[in-house]
Every structure is written in C-alpha cells, then in structure tokens.
C-alpha cells in the first residue's frame, strides 16, 4: 500500500525548516515530530551533500536543505533532504527510486 502524506512545516528552535510527513490515519493537527536527538543523528549520518532529486548542493543557490521525514508503515522513519520544497513532489512520485540512491550513497560511504 502506498503511504499517503500530509505535509506540515515546522520550524525548529534553531530556525531550520523541517518538513514532516504523517500518515493519513494520524491526526493532521498533531503530527509526531521526530526526537531532536534522532534528527541530529540522522542529519549527521546523511550520506549525501546534494539533493537526492535535483542533485543541487545543499547551502548553494537553493539555500539550506529542507528536511523531510519519510514515513512508511512497518518501516523505520527516514530522513530525506532536499534542496527545496518542490523536489518533494518528485520524490513522492517514486520514493523507492530516491531511497535507493540514498542507500547506495550510505553503503559507499561505509566502504570508504
């Protein structure tokens, strides 16, 4: 079953935009934000320095990365970073393709 996403834009205390995905069965007014420690660890471990969709460098012309928490029933939450909010739309059309790119980059980083 394809996950259905409801996007909510939150701002962390440091001013970094954080985009959260919530399943349709969760209350739209109360999305579960990731733990700050989990988010910091996921950001530090993220294997790409570019947007998984556009391949634009984070912090470049597009500005700081937009963090998106991908949720899929039965799977652990995943951090996906984009150069802008527009790339999220492309990601949601084929998340498996983009998650594979992230996984491949992570595997390559471990062997380096």
Protein backbone atom coordinates (compact mmCIF):
# COMPACT_ATOMS: atom_id res chain seq x y z
CA UNK A 1 0.00 0.00 0.00
CA UNK A 2 1.34 3.45 -0.91
CA UNK A 3 1.74 5.79 2.03
CA UNK A 4 -0.35 8.94 1.93
CA UNK A 5 1.40 12.07 3.04
CA UNK A 6 0.22 15.12 4.83
CA UNK A 7 2.90 17.78 4.95
CA UNK A 8 3.34 20.11 7.85
CA UNK A 9 6.02 22.78 8.00
CA UNK A 10 7.58 23.30 11.41
CA UNK A 11 10.48 25.46 12.45
CA UNK A 12 12.97 24.13 14.97
CA UNK A 13 14.34 26.38 17.66
CA UNK A 14 17.47 26.90 15.54
CA UNK A 15 15.31 28.21 12.69
CA UNK A 16 15.91 25.25 10.36
CA UNK A 17 12.83 24.33 8.34
CA UNK A 18 11.65 20.80 8.96
CA UNK A 19 9.06 19.14 6.80
CA UNK A 20 7.25 16.25 8.43
CA UNK A 21 5.24 13.55 6.72
CA UNK A 22 2.36 11.99 8.58
CA UNK A 23 0.22 9.03 7.59
CA UNK A 24 -3.35 9.84 6.67
CA UNK A 25 -4.61 7.87 9.68
CA UNK A 26 -2.71 10.10 12.10
CA UNK A 27 -4.45 13.30 13.24
CA UNK A 28 -3.47 16.08 10.82
CA UNK A 29 -3.34 18.63 13.61
CA UNK A 30 -0.90 16.61 15.72
CA UNK A 31 1.89 15.16 13.56
CA UNK A 32 4.55 13.38 15.57
CA UNK A 33 7.77 15.36 15.36
CA UNK A 34 10.99 13.39 15.47
CA UNK A 35 13.03 13.47 18.63
CA UNK A 36 15.67 16.23 18.42
CA UNK A 37 18.44 13.72 19.16
CA UNK A 38 17.19 11.37 16.42
CA UNK A 39 17.03 14.25 13.94
CA UNK A 40 20.54 15.49 14.79
CA UNK A 41 21.95 11.96 14.39
CA UNK A 42 20.09 11.44 11.10
CA UNK A 43 21.37 14.76 9.74
CA UNK A 44 24.95 13.94 10.77
CA UNK A 45 24.76 10.46 9.20
CA UNK A 46 23.02 11.58 6.00
CA UNK A 47 25.26 10.36 3.16
CA UNK A 48 24.53 12.99 0.52
CA UNK A 49 25.66 16.62 0.28
CA UNK A 50 23.25 17.22 -2.59
CA UNK A 51 19.51 16.96 -3.16
CA UNK A 52 18.53 13.38 -3.98
CA UNK A 53 16.16 14.67 -6.71
CA UNK A 54 17.87 17.65 -8.38
CA UNK A 55 21.45 16.95 -7.29
CA UNK A 56 21.77 20.63 -6.27
CA UNK A 57 24.28 21.18 -3.48
CA UNK A 58 22.85 22.00 -0.06
CA UNK A 59 23.63 25.54 1.02
CA UNK A 60 24.19 26.62 -2.58
CA UNK A 61 21.88 28.75 -4.71
CA UNK A 62 18.83 26.94 -3.32
CA UNK A 63 19.68 27.68 0.32
CA UNK A 64 19.73 25.32 3.27
CA UNK A 65 18.44 21.77 2.97
CA UNK A 66 14.75 21.03 3.55
CA UNK A 67 14.48 18.02 5.86
CA UNK A 68 11.63 15.60 5.20
CA UNK A 69 10.73 12.64 7.38
CA UNK A 70 9.55 9.79 5.16
CA UNK A 71 7.14 7.50 6.95
CA UNK A 72 6.06 4.12 5.72
CA UNK A 73 4.01 1.67 7.73
CA UNK A 74 6.15 -1.13 9.16
CA UNK A 75 9.41 0.70 8.39
CA UNK A 76 11.63 2.99 10.42
CA UNK A 77 11.25 6.70 9.73
CA UNK A 78 13.80 8.02 7.22
CA UNK A 79 15.31 11.45 6.83
CA UNK A 80 15.40 12.66 3.24
CA UNK A 81 16.99 16.02 2.44
CA UNK A 82 16.02 18.23 -0.48
CA UNK A 83 17.29 21.50 -1.93
CA UNK A 84 13.75 22.92 -1.94
CA UNK A 85 10.13 22.01 -1.27
CA UNK A 86 9.41 21.50 -4.99
CA UNK A 87 11.64 18.40 -5.07
CA UNK A 88 9.42 16.70 -2.51
CA UNK A 89 6.67 16.37 -5.13
CA UNK A 90 9.00 14.44 -7.46
CA UNK A 91 10.21 12.29 -4.56
CA UNK A 92 6.66 11.27 -3.59
CA UNK A 93 6.02 10.05 -7.14
CA UNK A 94 8.86 7.48 -6.91
CA UNK A 95 10.20 7.28 -3.33
CA UNK A 96 11.74 3.83 -3.85
CA UNK A 97 13.99 5.17 -6.62
CA UNK A 98 15.30 8.02 -4.46
CA UNK A 99 15.61 5.98 -1.27
CA UNK A 100 17.75 3.53 -3.26
CA UNK A 101 20.09 6.40 -4.20
CA UNK A 102 20.42 7.35 -0.53
CA UNK A 103 21.06 3.72 0.47
CA UNK A 104 23.72 3.34 -2.23
CA UNK A 105 25.47 6.53 -1.08
CA UNK A 106 25.38 5.29 2.53
CA UNK A 107 26.86 1.91 1.52
CA UNK A 108 29.59 3.64 -0.48
CA UNK A 109 30.42 5.92 2.48
CA UNK A 110 30.81 2.88 4.77
CA UNK A 111 33.32 1.24 2.44
CA UNK A 112 35.38 4.42 2.04
